[in-house]
Amino acid sequence: MRALLCKAWGLPGTLVVEEVPDPVAAPGHVVVRVHAAGVNFPDALIIQNKYQFTPALPFVPGSECAGVVEQVGEGVAGVKPGDRVIALTPSGAFAERVPADAAALTPLPEGIDFATGSAFLLTYGTAYHALADRGALKAGETLLVLGAAGGVGIAAIEIGKALGARVIAAASSEEKRRICREHGADEVIDYTGADLKSVLAALTAGRGVDVVFDPVGGAVTEAALRNCAWRGRYLVIGFANGDIPRIPANLLLLKGCSLIGVFWGRYVKSEPAAWARDLATLFQWLGERRLRPHVAARYPLERGAEALAALLERRACGKLVIIPAANSSR
């Protein structure tokens, strides 16, 4: 089979497409024929050896895909060849086939295409866990979403609206802000060229925002934290900016606000029953069209490195998807 290989740590341009042996289903595992693989920010970090998970070289990156089960290993129950599934894997999804733990499979609902399925679980699961669980976002509250035009940012906008919040989306270009509005943002702001404090003060009548959803980090973090309302909640999702900020602890004291870490992968493993309830809600909302994943572009496997570069350089709006084979998009 063909796969996108990382043979040395580095930027996406170092990746190569090569023929590798087909995987065989081990006990408790399956092999999935990949129809679409979602591109996520951790994928761009892993190939640079900048993530908490370090696979042995060479390896195939990619942690989220949708496809069809081809093989079932010994001891697997409830899954059979031909099943349409979403698979979460530590690595390996940027290939024509991927081995996956049977316990990490989610049935792909009828009517949901493979590209949408591959772009759904990680971003929407993260945003729902962050907002509904960790942030306890309530109807009528104000939510600020930083990096709002990215995959997880759009998910946060839509979930914030589904929970009844007023959503302010911060994005760096007019095109990105337009997409944020299309996905439900009540207000959009340019946080790169504006005085964030004065803009947010004007939009909230000086009160500040109740919840901040921050997958970006960097210099904007302190400015956003200064605009938290009394008893606000600041959700630390990730650091797409590349800079892990230092938080002035006195701001937490003065505002009576909370700084809250969000690690969805650990949550899924530690609290599977809670995640199952989240998933039921998310699939219900997806079926009702309250959630509309934005797949901005589809890349063939040969151009998979371009997709990772676009994500790393923050040129993408919504989710990017790699399609390993020409006939695998439906």
Protein backbone atom coordinates (compact mmCIF):
# COMPACT_ATOMS: atom_id res chain seq x y z
CA MET A 1 0.00 0.00 0.00
CA ARG A 2 1.00 3.67 -0.32
CA ALA A 3 1.65 5.78 2.76
CA LEU A 4 2.93 9.23 3.68
CA LEU A 5 6.12 8.53 5.63
CA CYS A 6 8.07 10.52 8.18
CA LYS A 7 11.65 9.17 7.95
CA ALA A 8 13.38 12.04 9.79
CA TRP A 9 12.16 14.75 12.16
CA GLY A 10 11.36 17.97 10.36
CA LEU A 11 8.80 20.16 8.62
CA PRO A 12 6.15 18.73 6.27
CA GLY A 13 8.40 19.10 3.22
CA THR A 14 10.52 16.21 4.50
CA LEU A 15 7.65 13.70 4.20
CA VAL A 16 7.62 11.20 1.33
CA VAL A 17 5.05 8.88 -0.23
CA GLU A 18 6.29 5.30 -0.53
CA GLU A 19 5.04 1.75 -0.83
CA VAL A 20 4.98 -0.05 2.53
CA PRO A 21 3.71 -3.51 3.55
CA ASP A 22 -0.03 -3.87 4.12
CA PRO A 23 -0.93 -4.08 7.82
CA VAL A 24 -2.33 -7.27 9.35
CA ALA A 25 -4.99 -7.18 12.06
CA ALA A 26 -3.48 -8.14 15.44
CA PRO A 27 -5.62 -9.55 18.27
CA GLY A 28 -8.11 -6.93 19.45
CA HIS A 29 -7.43 -4.81 16.37
CA VAL A 30 -8.82 -4.27 12.88
CA VAL A 31 -7.48 -2.97 9.59
CA VAL A 32 -9.40 -0.06 8.08
CA ARG A 33 -9.32 0.90 4.42
CA VAL A 34 -8.90 4.69 4.71
CA HIS A 35 -11.30 6.75 2.60
CA ALA A 36 -10.46 10.09 4.23
CA ALA A 37 -8.06 11.23 6.96
CA GLY A 38 -8.46 14.45 8.92
CA VAL A 39 -5.39 16.68 9.29
CA ASN A 40 -4.93 17.97 12.84
CA PHE A 41 -2.41 20.30 14.45
CA PRO A 42 -0.79 17.53 16.57
CA ASP A 43 0.07 15.74 13.30
CA ALA A 44 2.25 18.71 12.32
CA LEU A 45 3.91 18.68 15.74
CA ILE A 46 4.57 14.93 15.83
CA ILE A 47 6.64 14.96 12.63
CA GLN A 48 8.88 17.62 14.24
CA ASN A 49 9.24 15.63 17.48
CA LYS A 50 7.45 18.44 19.34
CA TYR A 51 4.52 16.44 20.76
CA GLN A 52 4.11 14.41 23.93
CA PHE A 53 3.78 11.24 21.84
CA THR A 54 7.01 10.22 20.05
CA PRO A 55 6.75 7.30 17.60
CA ALA A 56 9.81 5.46 16.36
CA LEU A 57 11.14 6.46 12.94
CA PRO A 58 10.08 5.81 10.26
CA PHE A 59 6.35 6.14 10.84
CA VAL A 60 3.13 7.19 9.13
CA PRO A 61 1.53 10.26 10.73
CA GLY A 62 -2.22 10.81 11.01
CA SER A 63 -4.50 10.12 13.97
CA GLU A 64 -8.07 10.42 12.66
CA CYS A 65 -9.70 8.79 9.66
CA ALA A 66 -12.92 7.39 8.27
CA GLY A 67 -13.18 4.28 6.16
CA VAL A 68 -14.32 0.68 5.90
CA VAL A 69 -13.19 -2.27 8.02
CA GLU A 70 -11.27 -4.80 5.88
CA GLN A 71 -9.85 -7.22 8.46
CA VAL A 72 -10.84 -8.18 12.00
CA GLY A 73 -8.32 -9.61 14.43
CA GLU A 74 -8.78 -12.37 16.97
CA GLY A 75 -11.00 -11.50 19.93
CA VAL A 76 -12.81 -8.60 18.24
CA ALA A 77 -16.58 -8.57 18.75
CA GLY A 78 -19.20 -6.17 17.42
CA VAL A 79 -17.16 -5.17 14.35
CA LYS A 80 -17.11 -6.92 10.97
CA PRO A 81 -15.61 -6.38 7.53
CA GLY A 82 -17.62 -3.83 5.57
CA ASP A 83 -18.51 -1.65 8.57
CA ARG A 84 -18.17 2.10 7.99
CA VAL A 85 -16.21 3.57 10.89
CA ILE A 86 -14.28 6.52 12.25
CA ALA A 87 -10.94 5.44 13.70
CA LEU A 88 -8.71 7.26 16.16
CA THR A 89 -5.12 6.04 16.13
CA PRO A 90 -1.81 7.20 17.66
CA SER A 91 -0.44 7.38 14.09
CA GLY A 92 -0.81 5.71 10.71
CA ALA A 93 -3.91 7.33 9.20
CA PHE A 94 -2.16 9.01 6.24
CA ALA A 95 -2.09 5.75 4.29
CA GLU A 96 -4.35 3.55 2.21
CA ARG A 97 -4.87 1.23 5.18
CA VAL A 98 -4.39 1.65 8.91
CA PRO A 99 -4.38 -0.80 11.84
CA ALA A 100 -6.61 0.38 14.67
CA ASP A 101 -7.62 -0.76 18.13
CA ALA A 102 -11.19 -2.04 17.84
CA ALA A 103 -12.03 -0.16 21.03
CA ALA A 104 -11.08 3.11 19.32
CA LEU A 105 -13.64 2.73 16.52
CA THR A 106 -16.85 4.72 16.23
CA PRO A 107 -19.57 3.67 13.77
CA LEU A 108 -19.98 6.27 11.04
CA PRO A 109 -23.66 7.30 11.01
CA GLU A 110 -25.67 6.71 7.85
CA GLY A 111 -25.82 9.77 5.65
CA ILE A 112 -22.44 11.10 6.82
CA ASP A 113 -19.75 11.00 4.13
CA PHE A 114 -16.21 9.85 4.86
CA ALA A 115 -14.62 13.31 4.60
CA THR A 116 -17.05 14.74 7.16
CA GLY A 117 -16.54 11.75 9.42
CA SER A 118 -12.76 12.15 9.31
CA ALA A 119 -13.09 15.83 10.25
CA PHE A 120 -15.46 15.43 13.17
CA LEU A 121 -14.43 13.56 16.31
CA LEU A 122 -11.25 15.29 17.40
CA THR A 123 -12.34 18.89 16.78
CA TYR A 124 -15.96 18.62 17.90
CA GLY A 125 -15.11 16.25 20.75
CA THR A 126 -12.49 18.71 22.02
CA ALA A 127 -14.80 21.72 21.71
CA TYR A 128 -17.75 20.00 23.41
CA HIS A 129 -15.62 18.70 26.28
CA ALA A 130 -14.10 22.16 26.69
CA LEU A 131 -17.29 24.20 26.58
CA ALA A 132 -19.96 21.94 28.07
CA ASP A 133 -17.83 20.11 30.66
CA ARG A 134 -14.71 22.06 31.59
CA GLY A 135 -16.10 25.54 30.89
CA ALA A 136 -19.70 24.89 31.98
CA LEU A 137 -20.88 27.37 29.33
CA LYS A 138 -24.46 28.46 29.99
CA ALA A 139 -27.18 29.91 27.78
CA GLY A 140 -26.98 33.68 27.73
CA GLU A 141 -23.24 33.81 28.49
CA THR A 142 -20.66 35.33 26.15
CA LEU A 143 -17.99 33.12 24.58
CA LEU A 144 -14.82 34.39 22.93
CA VAL A 145 -13.24 31.95 20.44
CA LEU A 146 -9.63 32.64 19.45
CA GLY A 147 -8.29 31.13 16.23
CA ALA A 148 -11.94 30.83 15.34
CA ALA A 149 -11.58 29.87 11.66
CA GLY A 150 -9.58 26.70 12.36
CA GLY A 151 -11.24 23.30 12.60
CA VAL A 152 -11.56 23.33 16.39
CA GLY A 153 -12.48 27.04 16.33
CA ILE A 154 -15.43 26.51 13.99
CA ALA A 155 -16.51 23.58 16.15
CA ALA A 156 -16.41 25.87 19.21
CA ILE A 157 -18.52 28.50 17.44
CA GLU A 158 -21.20 25.98 16.51
CA ILE A 159 -21.24 24.24 19.88
CA GLY A 160 -21.29 27.59 21.68
CA LYS A 161 -24.39 28.56 19.70
CA ALA A 162 -26.00 25.15 20.31
CA LEU A 163 -25.50 25.72 24.05
CA GLY A 164 -27.21 29.11 23.80
CA ALA A 165 -24.23 31.43 24.15
CA ARG A 166 -23.44 34.69 22.38
CA VAL A 167 -20.28 33.97 20.36
CA ILE A 168 -17.53 36.45 19.52
CA ALA A 169 -15.13 34.94 16.96
CA ALA A 170 -11.57 36.25 16.60
CA ALA A 171 -9.80 35.54 13.32
CA SER A 172 -6.93 37.08 11.38
CA SER A 173 -8.39 37.80 7.92
CA GLU A 174 -11.60 39.00 6.32
CA GLU A 175 -12.09 35.63 4.61
CA LYS A 176 -11.70 33.77 7.90
CA ARG A 177 -14.12 36.13 9.64
CA ARG A 178 -16.66 35.59 6.86
CA ILE A 179 -16.52 31.84 7.42
CA CYS A 180 -16.96 32.36 11.17
CA ARG A 181 -20.15 34.32 10.51
CA GLU A 182 -21.41 31.58 8.18
CA HIS A 183 -21.01 29.09 11.03
CA GLY A 184 -22.99 31.17 13.50
CA ALA A 185 -20.72 33.76 15.14
CA ASP A 186 -22.68 36.73 16.45
CA GLU A 187 -19.69 39.08 16.29
CA VAL A 188 -16.32 38.81 14.54
CA ILE A 189 -13.12 40.67 15.39
CA ASP A 190 -9.59 40.94 14.02
CA TYR A 191 -7.35 40.22 16.98
CA THR A 192 -4.15 40.86 15.01
CA GLY A 193 -4.75 44.49 14.13
CA ALA A 194 -7.04 45.74 16.87
CA ASP A 195 -6.80 46.71 20.51
CA LEU A 196 -8.43 43.57 21.88
CA LYS A 197 -9.18 45.16 25.24
CA SER A 198 -11.11 48.11 23.83
CA VAL A 199 -12.92 46.03 21.20
CA LEU A 200 -14.12 43.45 23.73
CA ALA A 201 -15.00 46.13 26.25
CA ALA A 202 -17.23 47.77 23.62
CA LEU A 203 -18.87 44.47 22.63
CA THR A 204 -19.60 43.49 26.25
CA ALA A 205 -20.45 46.93 27.70
CA GLY A 206 -17.28 46.71 29.80
CA ARG A 207 -18.30 43.47 31.50
CA GLY A 208 -15.92 41.12 29.70
CA VAL A 209 -16.49 37.60 28.36
CA ASP A 210 -17.62 34.64 30.43
CA VAL A 211 -15.59 31.97 28.65
CA VAL A 212 -12.47 32.16 26.46
CA PHE A 213 -11.69 29.24 24.14
CA ASP A 214 -7.98 29.46 23.29
CA PRO A 215 -6.29 26.98 20.93
CA VAL A 216 -3.72 29.61 19.90
CA GLY A 217 -1.59 30.73 22.86
CA GLY A 218 1.11 33.31 22.33
CA ALA A 219 0.84 37.05 22.95
CA VAL A 220 -2.95 37.20 22.60
CA THR A 221 -3.48 35.06 25.72
CA GLU A 222 -2.83 37.78 28.28
CA ALA A 223 -4.99 40.30 26.43
CA ALA A 224 -7.88 37.85 26.30
CA LEU A 225 -7.43 36.91 29.96
CA ARG A 226 -7.61 40.59 30.91
CA ASN A 227 -11.03 40.69 29.25
CA CYS A 228 -12.53 37.86 31.30
CA ALA A 229 -15.63 38.73 33.29
CA TRP A 230 -15.92 38.12 37.01
CA ARG A 231 -16.00 34.33 37.53
CA GLY A 232 -14.90 33.87 33.92
CA ARG A 233 -13.34 30.64 32.66
CA TYR A 234 -10.26 30.62 30.43
CA LEU A 235 -9.93 27.34 28.50
CA VAL A 236 -6.41 26.34 27.44
CA ILE A 237 -6.84 24.13 24.35
CA GLY A 238 -3.45 24.31 22.66
CA PHE A 239 -0.67 26.48 21.30
CA ALA A 240 -1.03 26.83 17.52
CA ASN A 241 0.99 30.04 17.75
CA GLY A 242 3.97 27.94 18.86
CA ASP A 243 4.54 29.97 22.02
CA ILE A 244 3.38 28.69 25.42
CA PRO A 245 2.44 31.88 27.28
CA ARG A 246 3.30 32.81 30.85
CA ILE A 247 0.10 33.69 32.72
CA PRO A 248 0.12 36.60 35.21
CA ALA A 249 -1.43 34.82 38.20
CA ASN A 250 -2.60 38.11 39.73
CA LEU A 251 -5.21 38.43 36.96
CA LEU A 252 -6.88 35.22 38.13
CA LEU A 253 -7.08 36.66 41.64
CA LEU A 254 -8.40 40.08 40.62
CA LYS A 255 -11.08 38.69 38.34
CA GLY A 256 -12.03 35.67 40.39
CA CYS A 257 -11.64 33.71 37.17
CA SER A 258 -10.41 30.19 36.48
CA LEU A 259 -7.67 28.95 34.17
CA ILE A 260 -8.72 25.51 32.94
CA GLY A 261 -6.75 22.94 30.96
CA VAL A 262 -8.49 20.86 28.28
CA PHE A 263 -6.96 17.53 27.20
CA TRP A 264 -9.60 15.68 25.23
CA GLY A 265 -7.47 12.59 24.48
CA ARG A 266 -6.90 11.94 28.18
CA TYR A 267 -10.59 12.58 28.90
CA VAL A 268 -11.71 9.97 26.36
CA LYS A 269 -9.47 7.33 27.95
CA SER A 270 -10.19 8.29 31.57
CA GLU A 271 -13.95 8.84 31.33
CA PRO A 272 -15.30 6.65 28.50
CA ALA A 273 -18.90 6.71 29.75
CA ALA A 274 -18.93 10.51 29.77
CA TRP A 275 -17.40 10.58 26.29
CA ALA A 276 -20.08 8.18 25.05
CA ARG A 277 -22.75 10.63 26.26
CA ASP A 278 -20.93 13.51 24.56
CA LEU A 279 -20.74 11.54 21.32
CA ALA A 280 -24.48 10.80 21.36
CA THR A 281 -25.20 14.52 21.71
CA LEU A 282 -22.74 15.48 18.98
CA PHE A 283 -24.12 12.96 16.49
CA GLN A 284 -27.67 14.12 17.28
CA TRP A 285 -26.70 17.73 16.60
CA LEU A 286 -24.84 16.69 13.45
CA GLY A 287 -27.95 14.91 12.19
CA GLU A 288 -30.02 18.00 12.96
CA ARG A 289 -27.54 20.17 10.99
CA ARG A 290 -26.79 22.24 14.07
CA LEU A 291 -23.18 21.21 13.47
CA ARG A 292 -21.69 21.61 9.98
CA PRO A 293 -18.01 20.62 9.77
CA HIS A 294 -16.22 22.84 7.28
CA VAL A 295 -13.99 20.70 5.07
CA ALA A 296 -12.04 23.41 3.29
CA ALA A 297 -9.92 21.24 0.99
CA ARG A 298 -9.23 17.64 0.06
CA TYR A 299 -5.67 16.58 -0.81
CA PRO A 300 -4.51 13.38 -2.52
CA LEU A 301 -1.91 11.40 -0.60
CA GLU A 302 0.85 12.71 -2.87
CA ARG A 303 0.08 16.25 -1.66
CA GLY A 304 -0.44 15.34 1.98
CA ALA A 305 2.66 17.29 3.02
CA GLU A 306 1.05 20.42 1.53
CA ALA A 307 -1.97 19.95 3.77
CA LEU A 308 0.21 19.75 6.86
CA ALA A 309 2.17 22.82 5.77
CA ALA A 310 -1.03 24.82 5.23
CA LEU A 311 -2.21 23.88 8.71
CA LEU A 312 1.12 24.65 10.34
CA GLU A 313 1.29 28.04 8.62
CA ARG A 314 -2.31 28.81 9.66
CA ARG A 315 -3.48 29.25 6.07
CA ALA A 316 -6.38 26.83 6.43
CA CYS A 317 -9.99 27.63 7.27
CA GLY A 318 -11.82 24.70 8.83
CA LYS A 319 -10.52 21.17 8.35
CA LEU A 320 -8.20 19.79 5.70
CA VAL A 321 -8.62 16.17 4.64
CA ILE A 322 -6.27 13.73 2.90
CA ILE A 323 -7.91 11.30 0.44
CA PRO A 324 -5.56 8.30 -0.02
CA ALA A 325 -7.27 6.99 -3.16
CA ALA A 326 -9.14 8.73 -5.98
CA ASN A 327 -12.30 6.64 -5.44
CA SER A 328 -12.42 7.08 -1.66
CA SER A 329 -14.18 10.43 -1.23
CA ARG A 330 -17.73 9.15 -0.71
